[in-house]
Full PDB file with SEQRES, HELIX, SHEET, SSBOND, CRYST1, ORIGX, SCALE, CONECT and MASTER records, all heavy atoms in Angstrom:
SEQRES   1 A   34  CYS ILE VAL HIS GLY GLN GLY GLY THR LEU LEU GLN HIS          
SEQRES   2 A   34  LEU LYS GLU GLN GLN LEU ASN GLY ASP ILE ARG PRO GLY          
SEQRES   3 A   34  ASP ARG VAL PHE TRP PHE THR THR                              
HELIX    1 AA1 GLN A    6  LEU A   14  1                                   9    
HELIX    2 AA2 LYS A   15  ASN A   20  3                                   6    
CRYST1    1.000    1.000    1.000  90.00  90.00  90.00 P 1           1          
ORIGX1      1.000000  0.000000  0.000000        0.00000                         
ORIGX2      0.000000  1.000000  0.000000        0.00000                         
ORIGX3      0.000000  0.000000  1.000000        0.00000                         
SCALE1      1.000000  0.000000  0.000000        0.00000                         
SCALE2      0.000000  1.000000  0.000000        0.00000                         
SCALE3      0.000000  0.000000  1.000000        0.00000                         
ATOM      1  N   CYS A   1      69.810  39.779 -30.594  1.00  0.00           N  
ATOM      2  CA  CYS A   1      68.458  39.350 -30.958  1.00  0.00           C  
ATOM      3  C   CYS A   1      68.261  37.944 -30.421  1.00  0.00           C  
ATOM      4  O   CYS A   1      68.785  36.977 -30.985  1.00  0.00           O  
ATOM      5  CB  CYS A   1      68.273  39.373 -32.471  1.00  0.00           C  
ATOM      6  SG  CYS A   1      68.607  40.974 -33.232  1.00  0.00           S  
ATOM      7  N   ILE A   2      67.518  37.823 -29.346  1.00  0.00           N  
ATOM      8  CA  ILE A   2      67.362  36.556 -28.626  1.00  0.00           C  
ATOM      9  C   ILE A   2      66.052  35.910 -29.077  1.00  0.00           C  
ATOM     10  O   ILE A   2      64.982  36.498 -28.940  1.00  0.00           O  
ATOM     11  CB  ILE A   2      67.351  36.803 -27.104  1.00  0.00           C  
ATOM     12  CG1 ILE A   2      68.621  37.563 -26.679  1.00  0.00           C  
ATOM     13  CG2 ILE A   2      67.229  35.491 -26.351  1.00  0.00           C  
ATOM     14  CD1 ILE A   2      68.583  38.086 -25.257  1.00  0.00           C  
ATOM     15  N   VAL A   3      66.135  34.688 -29.606  1.00  0.00           N  
ATOM     16  CA  VAL A   3      64.969  34.008 -30.169  1.00  0.00           C  
ATOM     17  C   VAL A   3      64.403  33.034 -29.139  1.00  0.00           C  
ATOM     18  O   VAL A   3      65.117  32.166 -28.628  1.00  0.00           O  
ATOM     19  CB  VAL A   3      65.336  33.244 -31.457  1.00  0.00           C  
ATOM     20  CG1 VAL A   3      64.083  32.650 -32.098  1.00  0.00           C  
ATOM     21  CG2 VAL A   3      66.053  34.158 -32.446  1.00  0.00           C  
ATOM     22  N   HIS A   4      63.099  33.187 -28.844  1.00  0.00           N  
ATOM     23  CA  HIS A   4      62.422  32.309 -27.881  1.00  0.00           C  
ATOM     24  C   HIS A   4      61.338  31.501 -28.565  1.00  0.00           C  
ATOM     25  O   HIS A   4      60.602  32.012 -29.415  1.00  0.00           O  
ATOM     26  CB  HIS A   4      61.829  33.123 -26.735  1.00  0.00           C  
ATOM     27  CG  HIS A   4      62.839  33.545 -25.721  1.00  0.00           C  
ATOM     28  ND1 HIS A   4      63.425  32.649 -24.855  1.00  0.00           N  
ATOM     29  CD2 HIS A   4      63.390  34.748 -25.439  1.00  0.00           C  
ATOM     30  CE1 HIS A   4      64.297  33.304 -24.080  1.00  0.00           C  
ATOM     31  NE2 HIS A   4      64.297  34.575 -24.424  1.00  0.00           N  
ATOM     32  N   GLY A   5      61.232  30.229 -28.159  1.00  0.00           N  
ATOM     33  CA  GLY A   5      60.256  29.327 -28.737  1.00  0.00           C  
ATOM     34  C   GLY A   5      58.912  29.394 -28.051  1.00  0.00           C  
ATOM     35  O   GLY A   5      58.809  29.752 -26.864  1.00  0.00           O  
ATOM     36  N   GLN A   6      57.874  28.983 -28.769  1.00  0.00           N  
ATOM     37  CA  GLN A   6      56.520  29.124 -28.252  1.00  0.00           C  
ATOM     38  C   GLN A   6      56.216  28.146 -27.111  1.00  0.00           C  
ATOM     39  O   GLN A   6      55.572  28.526 -26.129  1.00  0.00           O  
ATOM     40  CB  GLN A   6      55.505  28.953 -29.378  1.00  0.00           C  
ATOM     41  CG  GLN A   6      55.515  27.597 -30.069  1.00  0.00           C  
ATOM     42  CD  GLN A   6      54.232  27.326 -30.835  1.00  0.00           C  
ATOM     43  OE1 GLN A   6      53.350  28.173 -30.926  1.00  0.00           O  
ATOM     44  NE2 GLN A   6      54.117  26.135 -31.390  1.00  0.00           N  
ATOM     45  N   GLY A   7      56.702  26.918 -27.199  1.00  0.00           N  
ATOM     46  CA  GLY A   7      56.370  25.939 -26.176  1.00  0.00           C  
ATOM     47  C   GLY A   7      57.044  26.216 -24.845  1.00  0.00           C  
ATOM     48  O   GLY A   7      56.405  26.144 -23.786  1.00  0.00           O  
ATOM     49  N   GLY A   8      58.332  26.533 -24.898  1.00  0.00           N  
ATOM     50  CA  GLY A   8      59.051  26.825 -23.664  1.00  0.00           C  
ATOM     51  C   GLY A   8      58.520  28.064 -22.978  1.00  0.00           C  
ATOM     52  O   GLY A   8      58.392  28.105 -21.747  1.00  0.00           O  
ATOM     53  N   THR A   9      58.196  29.087 -23.764  1.00  0.00           N  
ATOM     54  CA  THR A   9      57.622  30.310 -23.194  1.00  0.00           C  
ATOM     55  C   THR A   9      56.299  30.003 -22.511  1.00  0.00           C  
ATOM     56  O   THR A   9      56.044  30.437 -21.379  1.00  0.00           O  
ATOM     57  CB  THR A   9      57.416  31.358 -24.302  1.00  0.00           C  
ATOM     58  OG1 THR A   9      58.685  31.669 -24.898  1.00  0.00           O  
ATOM     59  CG2 THR A   9      56.786  32.623 -23.754  1.00  0.00           C  
ATOM     60  N   LEU A  10      55.443  29.238 -23.182  1.00  0.00           N  
ATOM     61  CA  LEU A  10      54.130  28.918 -22.629  1.00  0.00           C  
ATOM     62  C   LEU A  10      54.255  28.134 -21.325  1.00  0.00           C  
ATOM     63  O   LEU A  10      53.629  28.482 -20.310  1.00  0.00           O  
ATOM     64  CB  LEU A  10      53.314  28.130 -23.655  1.00  0.00           C  
ATOM     65  CG  LEU A  10      51.913  27.703 -23.211  1.00  0.00           C  
ATOM     66  CD1 LEU A  10      51.028  28.921 -22.995  1.00  0.00           C  
ATOM     67  CD2 LEU A  10      51.291  26.751 -24.230  1.00  0.00           C  
ATOM     68  N   LEU A  11      55.065  27.073 -21.326  1.00  0.00           N  
ATOM     69  CA  LEU A  11      55.189  26.249 -20.119  1.00  0.00           C  
ATOM     70  C   LEU A  11      55.768  27.035 -18.950  1.00  0.00           C  
ATOM     71  O   LEU A  11      55.280  26.938 -17.816  1.00  0.00           O  
ATOM     72  CB  LEU A  11      56.075  25.036 -20.399  1.00  0.00           C  
ATOM     73  CG  LEU A  11      55.441  23.802 -21.040  1.00  0.00           C  
ATOM     74  CD1 LEU A  11      56.410  22.642 -21.015  1.00  0.00           C  
ATOM     75  CD2 LEU A  11      54.144  23.416 -20.355  1.00  0.00           C  
ATOM     76  N   GLN A  12      56.827  27.813 -19.210  1.00  0.00           N  
ATOM     77  CA  GLN A  12      57.441  28.589 -18.125  1.00  0.00           C  
ATOM     78  C   GLN A  12      56.454  29.593 -17.541  1.00  0.00           C  
ATOM     79  O   GLN A  12      56.353  29.748 -16.322  1.00  0.00           O  
ATOM     80  CB  GLN A  12      58.678  29.341 -18.641  1.00  0.00           C  
ATOM     81  CG  GLN A  12      59.940  28.504 -18.678  1.00  0.00           C  
ATOM     82  CD  GLN A  12      60.596  28.365 -17.310  1.00  0.00           C  
ATOM     83  OE1 GLN A  12      59.938  28.096 -16.312  1.00  0.00           O  
ATOM     84  NE2 GLN A  12      61.900  28.540 -17.257  1.00  0.00           N  
ATOM     85  N   HIS A  13      55.742  30.291 -18.397  1.00  0.00           N  
ATOM     86  CA  HIS A  13      54.829  31.320 -17.904  1.00  0.00           C  
ATOM     87  C   HIS A  13      53.627  30.711 -17.192  1.00  0.00           C  
ATOM     88  O   HIS A  13      53.173  31.241 -16.171  1.00  0.00           O  
ATOM     89  CB  HIS A  13      54.402  32.234 -19.056  1.00  0.00           C  
ATOM     90  CG  HIS A  13      55.507  33.089 -19.569  1.00  0.00           C  
ATOM     91  ND1 HIS A  13      55.358  33.979 -20.604  1.00  0.00           N  
ATOM     92  CD2 HIS A  13      56.807  33.207 -19.188  1.00  0.00           C  
ATOM     93  CE1 HIS A  13      56.501  34.597 -20.832  1.00  0.00           C  
ATOM     94  NE2 HIS A  13      57.398  34.134 -19.994  1.00  0.00           N  
ATOM     95  N   LEU A  14      53.096  29.594 -17.710  1.00  0.00           N  
ATOM     96  CA  LEU A  14      52.015  28.914 -16.992  1.00  0.00           C  
ATOM     97  C   LEU A  14      52.482  28.494 -15.602  1.00  0.00           C  
ATOM     98  O   LEU A  14      51.775  28.678 -14.598  1.00  0.00           O  
ATOM     99  CB  LEU A  14      51.552  27.692 -17.781  1.00  0.00           C  
ATOM    100  CG  LEU A  14      50.689  27.952 -19.020  1.00  0.00           C  
ATOM    101  CD1 LEU A  14      50.528  26.677 -19.834  1.00  0.00           C  
ATOM    102  CD2 LEU A  14      49.318  28.507 -18.629  1.00  0.00           C  
ATOM    103  N   LYS A  15      53.681  27.921 -15.530  1.00  0.00           N  
ATOM    104  CA  LYS A  15      54.234  27.488 -14.240  1.00  0.00           C  
ATOM    105  C   LYS A  15      54.378  28.662 -13.278  1.00  0.00           C  
ATOM    106  O   LYS A  15      53.911  28.615 -12.129  1.00  0.00           O  
ATOM    107  CB  LYS A  15      55.593  26.826 -14.470  1.00  0.00           C  
ATOM    108  CG  LYS A  15      56.332  26.412 -13.204  1.00  0.00           C  
ATOM    109  CD  LYS A  15      57.822  26.256 -13.453  1.00  0.00           C  
ATOM    110  CE  LYS A  15      58.514  27.601 -13.631  1.00  0.00           C  
ATOM    111  NZ  LYS A  15      59.990  27.472 -13.749  1.00  0.00           N  
ATOM    112  N   GLU A  16      55.032  29.726 -13.749  1.00  0.00           N  
ATOM    113  CA  GLU A  16      55.293  30.862 -12.859  1.00  0.00           C  
ATOM    114  C   GLU A  16      54.014  31.565 -12.453  1.00  0.00           C  
ATOM    115  O   GLU A  16      53.868  31.996 -11.301  1.00  0.00           O  
ATOM    116  CB  GLU A  16      56.253  31.838 -13.538  1.00  0.00           C  
ATOM    117  CG  GLU A  16      57.649  31.272 -13.718  1.00  0.00           C  
ATOM    118  CD  GLU A  16      58.625  32.232 -14.363  1.00  0.00           C  
ATOM    119  OE1 GLU A  16      58.197  33.301 -14.865  1.00  0.00           O  
ATOM    120  OE2 GLU A  16      59.826  31.917 -14.388  1.00  0.00           O  
ATOM    121  N   GLN A  17      53.099  31.711 -13.386  1.00  0.00           N  
ATOM    122  CA  GLN A  17      51.892  32.477 -13.092  1.00  0.00           C  
ATOM    123  C   GLN A  17      50.896  31.684 -12.256  1.00  0.00           C  
ATOM    124  O   GLN A  17      50.371  32.194 -11.266  1.00  0.00           O  
ATOM    125  CB  GLN A  17      51.282  32.981 -14.394  1.00  0.00           C  
ATOM    126  CG  GLN A  17      52.176  34.017 -15.061  1.00  0.00           C  
ATOM    127  CD  GLN A  17      51.723  34.433 -16.445  1.00  0.00           C  
ATOM    128  OE1 GLN A  17      50.772  33.910 -16.997  1.00  0.00           O  
ATOM    129  NE2 GLN A  17      52.431  35.392 -17.038  1.00  0.00           N  
ATOM    130  N   GLN A  18      50.646  30.430 -12.633  1.00  0.00           N  
ATOM    131  CA  GLN A  18      49.649  29.665 -11.896  1.00  0.00           C  
ATOM    132  C   GLN A  18      50.170  29.140 -10.563  1.00  0.00           C  
ATOM    133  O   GLN A  18      49.432  29.124  -9.570  1.00  0.00           O  
ATOM    134  CB  GLN A  18      49.126  28.507 -12.749  1.00  0.00           C  
ATOM    135  CG  GLN A  18      48.291  28.970 -13.932  1.00  0.00           C  
ATOM    136  CD  GLN A  18      47.569  27.844 -14.638  1.00  0.00           C  
ATOM    137  OE1 GLN A  18      47.384  26.763 -14.082  1.00  0.00           O  
ATOM    138  NE2 GLN A  18      47.165  28.083 -15.873  1.00  0.00           N  
ATOM    139  N   LEU A  19      51.435  28.705 -10.515  1.00  0.00           N  
ATOM    140  CA  LEU A  19      51.961  28.145  -9.268  1.00  0.00           C  
ATOM    141  C   LEU A  19      52.589  29.216  -8.376  1.00  0.00           C  
ATOM    142  O   LEU A  19      52.174  29.410  -7.241  1.00  0.00           O  
ATOM    143  CB  LEU A  19      52.980  27.038  -9.556  1.00  0.00           C  
ATOM    144  CG  LEU A  19      52.477  25.838 -10.373  1.00  0.00           C  
ATOM    145  CD1 LEU A  19      53.496  24.706 -10.330  1.00  0.00           C  
ATOM    146  CD2 LEU A  19      51.127  25.360  -9.898  1.00  0.00           C  
ATOM    147  N   ASN A  20      53.591  29.916  -8.883  1.00  0.00           N  
ATOM    148  CA  ASN A  20      54.283  30.904  -8.046  1.00  0.00           C  
ATOM    149  C   ASN A  20      53.439  32.144  -7.804  1.00  0.00           C  
ATOM    150  O   ASN A  20      53.443  32.712  -6.710  1.00  0.00           O  
ATOM    151  CB  ASN A  20      55.620  31.283  -8.674  1.00  0.00           C  
ATOM    152  CG  ASN A  20      56.535  30.092  -8.830  1.00  0.00           C  
ATOM    153  OD1 ASN A  20      56.523  29.436  -9.864  1.00  0.00           O  
ATOM    154  ND2 ASN A  20      57.311  29.773  -7.805  1.00  0.00           N  
ATOM    155  N   GLY A  21      52.704  32.591  -8.834  1.00  0.00           N  
ATOM    156  CA  GLY A  21      51.875  33.785  -8.687  1.00  0.00           C  
ATOM    157  C   GLY A  21      50.458  33.508  -8.245  1.00  0.00           C  
ATOM    158  O   GLY A  21      49.696  34.434  -7.949  1.00  0.00           O  
ATOM    159  N   ASP A  22      50.069  32.221  -8.209  1.00  0.00           N  
ATOM    160  CA  ASP A  22      48.727  31.796  -7.804  1.00  0.00           C  
ATOM    161  C   ASP A  22      47.623  32.488  -8.620  1.00  0.00           C  
ATOM    162  O   ASP A  22      46.547  32.789  -8.114  1.00  0.00           O  
ATOM    163  CB  ASP A  22      48.508  32.037  -6.304  1.00  0.00           C  
ATOM    164  CG  ASP A  22      47.487  31.065  -5.718  1.00  0.00           C  
ATOM    165  OD1 ASP A  22      47.419  29.926  -6.194  1.00  0.00           O  
ATOM    166  OD2 ASP A  22      46.747  31.465  -4.797  1.00  0.00           O  
ATOM    167  N   ILE A  23      47.913  32.716  -9.904  1.00  0.00           N  
ATOM    168  CA  ILE A  23      46.938  33.348 -10.800  1.00  0.00           C  
ATOM    169  C   ILE A  23      45.940  32.299 -11.260  1.00  0.00           C  
ATOM    170  O   ILE A  23      46.299  31.170 -11.593  1.00  0.00           O  
ATOM    171  CB  ILE A  23      47.657  34.003 -11.998  1.00  0.00           C  
ATOM    172  CG1 ILE A  23      48.477  35.218 -11.508  1.00  0.00           C  
ATOM    173  CG2 ILE A  23      46.683  34.414 -13.090  1.00  0.00           C  
ATOM    174  CD1 ILE A  23      49.415  35.791 -12.556  1.00  0.00           C  
ATOM    175  N   ARG A  24      44.658  32.712 -11.299  1.00  0.00           N  
ATOM    176  CA  ARG A  24      43.587  31.786 -11.649  1.00  0.00           C  
ATOM    177  C   ARG A  24      42.546  32.486 -12.503  1.00  0.00           C  
ATOM    178  O   ARG A  24      42.585  33.724 -12.634  1.00  0.00           O  
ATOM    179  CB  ARG A  24      42.963  31.202 -10.378  1.00  0.00           C  
ATOM    180  CG  ARG A  24      42.592  32.252  -9.347  1.00  0.00           C  
ATOM    181  CD  ARG A  24      42.299  31.621  -7.996  1.00  0.00           C  
ATOM    182  NE  ARG A  24      43.499  31.129  -7.322  1.00  0.00           N  
ATOM    183  CZ  ARG A  24      43.474  30.226  -6.335  1.00  0.00           C  
ATOM    184  NH1 ARG A  24      42.336  29.715  -5.932  1.00  0.00           N  
ATOM    185  NH2 ARG A  24      44.605  29.829  -5.774  1.00  0.00           N  
ATOM    186  N   PRO A  25      41.624  31.737 -13.118  1.00  0.00           N  
ATOM    187  CA  PRO A  25      40.621  32.375 -13.983  1.00  0.00           C  
ATOM    188  C   PRO A  25      39.876  33.491 -13.255  1.00  0.00           C  
ATOM    189  O   PRO A  25      39.504  33.353 -12.081  1.00  0.00           O  
ATOM    190  CB  PRO A  25      39.682  31.216 -14.338  1.00  0.00           C  
ATOM    191  CG  PRO A  25      40.557  30.002 -14.285  1.00  0.00           C  
ATOM    192  CD  PRO A  25      41.494  30.264 -13.134  1.00  0.00           C  
ATOM    193  N   GLY A  26      39.690  34.600 -13.980  1.00  0.00           N  
ATOM    194  CA  GLY A  26      38.969  35.735 -13.412  1.00  0.00           C  
ATOM    195  C   GLY A  26      39.841  36.731 -12.683  1.00  0.00           C  
ATOM    196  O   GLY A  26      39.380  37.829 -12.346  1.00  0.00           O  
ATOM    197  N   ASP A  27      41.100  36.368 -12.407  1.00  0.00           N  
ATOM    198  CA  ASP A  27      42.005  37.333 -11.785  1.00  0.00           C  
ATOM    199  C   ASP A  27      42.244  38.503 -12.736  1.00  0.00           C  
ATOM    200  O   ASP A  27      42.055  38.391 -13.959  1.00  0.00           O  
ATOM    201  CB  ASP A  27      43.339  36.678 -11.432  1.00  0.00           C  
ATOM    202  CG  ASP A  27      43.308  35.990 -10.074  1.00  0.00           C  
ATOM    203  OD1 ASP A  27      42.289  36.109  -9.371  1.00  0.00           O  
ATOM    204  OD2 ASP A  27      44.297  35.318  -9.722  1.00  0.00           O  
ATOM    205  N   ARG A  28      42.684  39.603 -12.164  1.00  0.00           N  
ATOM    206  CA  ARG A  28      42.992  40.794 -12.962  1.00  0.00           C  
ATOM    207  C   ARG A  28      44.468  41.135 -12.749  1.00  0.00           C  
ATOM    208  O   ARG A  28      44.862  41.572 -11.668  1.00  0.00           O  
ATOM    209  CB  ARG A  28      42.062  41.937 -12.583  1.00  0.00           C  
ATOM    210  CG  ARG A  28      40.613  41.568 -12.927  1.00  0.00           C  
ATOM    211  CD  ARG A  28      39.667  42.731 -12.922  1.00  0.00           C  
ATOM    212  NE  ARG A  28      38.447  42.377 -13.642  1.00  0.00           N  
ATOM    213  CZ  ARG A  28      37.541  43.259 -14.040  1.00  0.00           C  
ATOM    214  NH1 ARG A  28      37.718  44.553 -13.794  1.00  0.00           N  
ATOM    215  NH2 ARG A  28      36.469  42.869 -14.686  1.00  0.00           N  
ATOM    216  N   VAL A  29      45.238  40.893 -13.791  1.00  0.00           N  
ATOM    217  CA  VAL A  29      46.702  40.874 -13.674  1.00  0.00           C  
ATOM    218  C   VAL A  29      47.292  42.094 -14.371  1.00  0.00           C  
ATOM    219  O   VAL A  29      46.982  42.377 -15.533  1.00  0.00           O  
ATOM    220  CB  VAL A  29      47.271  39.577 -14.281  1.00  0.00           C  
ATOM    221  CG1 VAL A  29      48.790  39.560 -14.168  1.00  0.00           C  
ATOM    222  CG2 VAL A  29      46.671  38.356 -13.590  1.00  0.00           C  
ATOM    223  N   PHE A  30      48.156  42.775 -13.644  1.00  0.00           N  
ATOM    224  CA  PHE A  30      48.784  44.009 -14.133  1.00  0.00           C  
ATOM    225  C   PHE A  30      50.288  43.925 -13.938  1.00  0.00           C  
ATOM    226  O   PHE A  30      50.768  43.394 -12.929  1.00  0.00           O  
ATOM    227  CB  PHE A  30      48.232  45.203 -13.348  1.00  0.00           C  
ATOM    228  CG  PHE A  30      48.987  46.493 -13.563  1.00  0.00           C  
ATOM    229  CD1 PHE A  30      48.777  47.255 -14.702  1.00  0.00           C  
ATOM    230  CD2 PHE A  30      49.903  46.950 -12.626  1.00  0.00           C  
ATOM    231  CE1 PHE A  30      49.469  48.450 -14.904  1.00  0.00           C  
ATOM    232  CE2 PHE A  30      50.598  48.143 -12.827  1.00  0.00           C  
ATOM    233  CZ  PHE A  30      50.379  48.887 -13.962  1.00  0.00           C  
ATOM    234  N   TRP A  31      51.030  44.437 -14.921  1.00  0.00           N  
ATOM    235  CA  TRP A  31      52.461  44.719 -14.702  1.00  0.00           C  
ATOM    236  C   TRP A  31      52.756  46.036 -15.406  1.00  0.00           C  
ATOM    237  O   TRP A  31      52.415  46.199 -16.573  1.00  0.00           O  
ATOM    238  CB  TRP A  31      53.378  43.617 -15.241  1.00  0.00           C  
ATOM    239  CG  TRP A  31      54.668  43.600 -14.462  1.00  0.00           C  
ATOM    240  CD1 TRP A  31      55.656  44.536 -14.499  1.00  0.00           C  
ATOM    241  CD2 TRP A  31      55.050  42.647 -13.469  1.00  0.00           C  
ATOM    242  NE1 TRP A  31      56.648  44.230 -13.606  1.00  0.00           N  
ATOM    243  CE2 TRP A  31      56.301  43.070 -12.956  1.00  0.00           C  
ATOM    244  CE3 TRP A  31      54.484  41.479 -12.972  1.00  0.00           C  
ATOM    245  CZ2 TRP A  31      56.977  42.355 -11.971  1.00  0.00           C  
ATOM    246  CZ3 TRP A  31      55.168  40.776 -11.987  1.00  0.00           C  
ATOM    247  CH2 TRP A  31      56.395  41.215 -11.496  1.00  0.00           C  
ATOM    248  N   PHE A  32      53.353  46.956 -14.690  1.00  0.00           N  
ATOM    249  CA  PHE A  32      53.714  48.223 -15.313  1.00  0.00           C  
ATOM    250  C   PHE A  32      54.934  47.987 -16.193  1.00  0.00           C  
ATOM    251  O   PHE A  32      56.033  47.725 -15.701  1.00  0.00           O  
ATOM    252  CB  PHE A  32      54.006  49.306 -14.272  1.00  0.00           C  
ATOM    253  CG  PHE A  32      54.461  50.587 -14.910  1.00  0.00           C  
ATOM    254  CD1 PHE A  32      53.580  51.344 -15.655  1.00  0.00           C  
ATOM    255  CD2 PHE A  32      55.778  51.005 -14.817  1.00  0.00           C  
ATOM    256  CE1 PHE A  32      53.992  52.499 -16.292  1.00  0.00           C  
ATOM    257  CE2 PHE A  32      56.202  52.164 -15.443  1.00  0.00           C  
ATOM    258  CZ  PHE A  32      55.311  52.909 -16.180  1.00  0.00           C  
ATOM    259  N   THR A  33      54.730  48.058 -17.501  1.00  0.00           N  
ATOM    260  CA  THR A  33      55.793  47.722 -18.446  1.00  0.00           C  
ATOM    261  C   THR A  33      55.534  48.395 -19.777  1.00  0.00           C  
ATOM    262  O   THR A  33      54.395  48.779 -20.075  1.00  0.00           O  
ATOM    263  CB  THR A  33      55.871  46.188 -18.645  1.00  0.00           C  
ATOM    264  OG1 THR A  33      56.922  45.874 -19.569  1.00  0.00           O  
ATOM    265  CG2 THR A  33      54.562  45.631 -19.183  1.00  0.00           C  
ATOM    266  N   THR A  34      56.577  48.537 -20.545  1.00  0.00           N  
ATOM    267  CA  THR A  34      56.432  48.930 -21.942  1.00  0.00           C  
ATOM    268  C   THR A  34      56.541  47.669 -22.795  1.00  0.00           C  
ATOM    269  O   THR A  34      56.845  46.585 -22.294  1.00  0.00           O  
ATOM    270  CB  THR A  34      57.529  49.911 -22.382  1.00  0.00           C  
ATOM    271  OG1 THR A  34      58.780  49.199 -22.459  1.00  0.00           O  
ATOM    272  CG2 THR A  34      57.655  51.082 -21.409  1.00  0.00           C  
TER     273      THR A  34                                                      
MASTER        0    0    0    2    0    0    0    6  272    1    0    3          
END                                                                             
């Protein structure tokens, strides 16, 4: 059971999505996942 914090999750995902993934407002983002 791996516990993740809210701040680290938010910063990492913002970094990866906005910078590496170039995601921006209005984009339509999909990942096939459960």
